[in-house]
């Protein structure tokens, strides 16, 4: 995948935006793993980070970003501005991670 800049700001520093193309997004749905649930239950008693969930969320975030970037490329974008994340429960033990923003074309 080509490297395209993404930012939570409304501009790309040092670049001129020539066109605002479309809202683009990428999402993934992940389910809890039985082994992670056991560790989460133990950690909830003694406290501390639940690394299995942290890794799962990091992987989900990376996948959502990659899919958003591909969506931007598909609509002819050179960059994505105003990037945001959202999560939601979609079922028992399943959560969606979504990245979205505005695909833009930059001055060549």
C-alpha atoms as a PDB file:
ATOM      1  CA  UNK A   1       0.000   0.000   0.000  1.00  0.00           C
ATOM      2  CA  UNK A   2       1.375   3.444  -0.872  1.00  0.00           C
ATOM      3  CA  UNK A   3       2.290   5.632   2.071  1.00  0.00           C
ATOM      4  CA  UNK A   4      -0.298   8.380   2.423  1.00  0.00           C
ATOM      5  CA  UNK A   5      -0.293  10.950   5.200  1.00  0.00           C
ATOM      6  CA  UNK A   6      -3.073  10.892   7.758  1.00  0.00           C
ATOM      7  CA  UNK A   7      -3.761  13.410  10.496  1.00  0.00           C
ATOM      8  CA  UNK A   8      -6.361  14.340  13.063  1.00  0.00           C
ATOM      9  CA  UNK A   9      -5.882  17.986  12.033  1.00  0.00           C
ATOM     10  CA  UNK A  10      -7.814  19.730   9.256  1.00  0.00           C
ATOM     11  CA  UNK A  11      -4.699  20.222   7.112  1.00  0.00           C
ATOM     12  CA  UNK A  12      -1.409  18.535   6.219  1.00  0.00           C
ATOM     13  CA  UNK A  13       1.481  20.746   7.372  1.00  0.00           C
ATOM     14  CA  UNK A  14       3.473  22.030   4.393  1.00  0.00           C
ATOM     15  CA  UNK A  15       0.895  20.814   1.838  1.00  0.00           C
ATOM     16  CA  UNK A  16      -1.907  22.513  -0.063  1.00  0.00           C
ATOM     17  CA  UNK A  17      -5.228  20.715  -0.286  1.00  0.00           C
ATOM     18  CA  UNK A  18      -6.785  21.103  -3.732  1.00  0.00           C
ATOM     19  CA  UNK A  19      -9.891  18.904  -3.328  1.00  0.00           C
ATOM     20  CA  UNK A  20     -11.942  17.428  -0.505  1.00  0.00           C
ATOM     21  CA  UNK A  21     -13.098  14.129  -1.976  1.00  0.00           C
ATOM     22  CA  UNK A  22     -15.229  12.082   0.376  1.00  0.00           C
ATOM     23  CA  UNK A  23     -15.560  10.612   3.852  1.00  0.00           C
ATOM     24  CA  UNK A  24     -13.523   7.411   3.972  1.00  0.00           C
ATOM     25  CA  UNK A  25     -13.469   4.714   6.588  1.00  0.00           C
ATOM     26  CA  UNK A  26     -12.051   1.381   7.565  1.00  0.00           C
ATOM     27  CA  UNK A  27     -13.419  -0.986  10.136  1.00  0.00           C
ATOM     28  CA  UNK A  28     -12.912  -4.378  11.688  1.00  0.00           C
ATOM     29  CA  UNK A  29     -14.953  -6.450  14.111  1.00  0.00           C
ATOM     30  CA  UNK A  30     -13.121  -8.474  16.716  1.00  0.00           C
ATOM     31  CA  UNK A  31     -14.352 -11.112  19.143  1.00  0.00           C
ATOM     32  CA  UNK A  32     -13.009 -11.877  22.574  1.00  0.00           C
ATOM     33  CA  UNK A  33     -10.812 -14.950  22.967  1.00  0.00           C
ATOM     34  CA  UNK A  34     -11.513 -17.450  25.761  1.00  0.00           C
ATOM     35  CA  UNK A  35      -7.891 -17.331  26.945  1.00  0.00           C
ATOM     36  CA  UNK A  36      -7.957 -13.547  27.053  1.00  0.00           C
ATOM     37  CA  UNK A  37     -11.233 -13.632  28.972  1.00  0.00           C
ATOM     38  CA  UNK A  38      -9.684 -15.869  31.634  1.00  0.00           C
ATOM     39  CA  UNK A  39      -6.732 -13.517  32.046  1.00  0.00           C
ATOM     40  CA  UNK A  40      -9.056 -10.494  32.049  1.00  0.00           C
ATOM     41  CA  UNK A  41     -11.085 -12.074  34.845  1.00  0.00           C
ATOM     42  CA  UNK A  42      -7.951 -12.639  36.907  1.00  0.00           C
ATOM     43  CA  UNK A  43      -6.639  -9.126  36.238  1.00  0.00           C
ATOM     44  CA  UNK A  44      -9.959  -7.594  37.250  1.00  0.00           C
ATOM     45  CA  UNK A  45      -9.421  -9.132  40.695  1.00  0.00           C
ATOM     46  CA  UNK A  46      -5.767  -8.142  41.166  1.00  0.00           C
ATOM     47  CA  UNK A  47      -5.617  -5.103  38.884  1.00  0.00           C
ATOM     48  CA  UNK A  48      -3.229  -4.221  36.079  1.00  0.00           C
ATOM     49  CA  UNK A  49      -3.105  -4.024  32.318  1.00  0.00           C
ATOM     50  CA  UNK A  50      -4.770  -6.763  30.311  1.00  0.00           C
ATOM     51  CA  UNK A  51      -2.098  -7.106  27.638  1.00  0.00           C
ATOM     52  CA  UNK A  52      -4.083  -9.528  25.486  1.00  0.00           C
ATOM     53  CA  UNK A  53      -6.843  -6.939  25.056  1.00  0.00           C
ATOM     54  CA  UNK A  54      -4.329  -4.147  24.556  1.00  0.00           C
ATOM     55  CA  UNK A  55      -2.718  -6.106  21.713  1.00  0.00           C
ATOM     56  CA  UNK A  56      -6.114  -6.960  20.213  1.00  0.00           C
ATOM     57  CA  UNK A  57      -7.141  -3.289  20.203  1.00  0.00           C
ATOM     58  CA  UNK A  58      -3.810  -2.184  18.732  1.00  0.00           C
ATOM     59  CA  UNK A  59      -4.151  -4.736  15.927  1.00  0.00           C
ATOM     60  CA  UNK A  60      -7.765  -3.683  15.316  1.00  0.00           C
ATOM     61  CA  UNK A  61      -6.750   0.001  15.181  1.00  0.00           C
ATOM     62  CA  UNK A  62      -3.940  -0.743  12.706  1.00  0.00           C
ATOM     63  CA  UNK A  63      -6.258  -2.789  10.495  1.00  0.00           C
ATOM     64  CA  UNK A  64      -8.955  -0.089  10.561  1.00  0.00           C
ATOM     65  CA  UNK A  65      -6.357   2.546   9.587  1.00  0.00           C
ATOM     66  CA  UNK A  66      -5.019   0.411   6.721  1.00  0.00           C
ATOM     67  CA  UNK A  67      -8.541  -0.110   5.396  1.00  0.00           C
ATOM     68  CA  UNK A  68      -9.311   3.620   5.690  1.00  0.00           C
ATOM     69  CA  UNK A  69      -6.135   4.468   3.753  1.00  0.00           C
ATOM     70  CA  UNK A  70      -7.098   1.989   1.030  1.00  0.00           C
ATOM     71  CA  UNK A  71     -10.558   3.552   0.849  1.00  0.00           C
ATOM     72  CA  UNK A  72      -8.892   6.964   0.391  1.00  0.00           C
ATOM     73  CA  UNK A  73      -6.698   5.615  -2.410  1.00  0.00           C
ATOM     74  CA  UNK A  74      -9.764   4.051  -4.057  1.00  0.00           C
ATOM     75  CA  UNK A  75     -11.470   7.468  -4.272  1.00  0.00           C
ATOM     76  CA  UNK A  76      -8.306   9.136  -5.612  1.00  0.00           C
ATOM     77  CA  UNK A  77      -7.046  10.646  -2.370  1.00  0.00           C
ATOM     78  CA  UNK A  78      -3.472  11.555  -1.514  1.00  0.00           C
ATOM     79  CA  UNK A  79      -4.079  12.027   2.221  1.00  0.00           C
ATOM     80  CA  UNK A  80      -6.717  11.760   4.942  1.00  0.00           C
ATOM     81  CA  UNK A  81      -7.491  14.628   7.306  1.00  0.00           C
ATOM     82  CA  UNK A  82      -9.708  14.886  10.410  1.00  0.00           C
ATOM     83  CA  UNK A  83      -9.053  11.228  11.283  1.00  0.00           C
ATOM     84  CA  UNK A  84     -11.104   9.882  14.163  1.00  0.00           C
ATOM     85  CA  UNK A  85     -11.706   6.496  15.803  1.00  0.00           C
ATOM     86  CA  UNK A  86     -14.855   5.016  17.202  1.00  0.00           C
ATOM     87  CA  UNK A  87     -15.716   1.708  18.806  1.00  0.00           C
ATOM     88  CA  UNK A  88     -19.021  -0.020  19.385  1.00  0.00           C
ATOM     89  CA  UNK A  89     -20.338  -3.319  20.637  1.00  0.00           C
ATOM     90  CA  UNK A  90     -21.938  -5.285  17.809  1.00  0.00           C
ATOM     91  CA  UNK A  91     -22.841  -8.433  19.727  1.00  0.00           C
ATOM     92  CA  UNK A  92     -22.064 -10.471  22.797  1.00  0.00           C
ATOM     93  CA  UNK A  93     -18.279 -10.371  23.129  1.00  0.00           C
ATOM     94  CA  UNK A  94     -17.764  -8.592  19.766  1.00  0.00           C
ATOM     95  CA  UNK A  95     -16.632  -5.028  19.171  1.00  0.00           C
ATOM     96  CA  UNK A  96     -16.083  -2.897  16.078  1.00  0.00           C
ATOM     97  CA  UNK A  97     -13.159  -0.511  15.671  1.00  0.00           C
ATOM     98  CA  UNK A  98     -13.654   2.138  12.981  1.00  0.00           C
ATOM     99  CA  UNK A  99     -11.278   4.784  11.651  1.00  0.00           C
ATOM    100  CA  UNK A 100     -12.746   7.550   9.491  1.00  0.00           C
ATOM    101  CA  UNK A 101     -11.739  10.864   8.004  1.00  0.00           C
ATOM    102  CA  UNK A 102     -11.883  13.018   4.883  1.00  0.00           C
ATOM    103  CA  UNK A 103      -9.925  11.967   1.807  1.00  0.00           C
ATOM    104  CA  UNK A 104      -8.218  14.924   0.115  1.00  0.00           C
ATOM    105  CA  UNK A 105      -6.122  15.531  -2.952  1.00  0.00           C
ATOM    106  CA  UNK A 106      -2.899  17.485  -2.470  1.00  0.00           C
ATOM    107  CA  UNK A 107      -1.286  19.990  -4.839  1.00  0.00           C
ATOM    108  CA  UNK A 108       1.363  18.182  -6.891  1.00  0.00           C
END
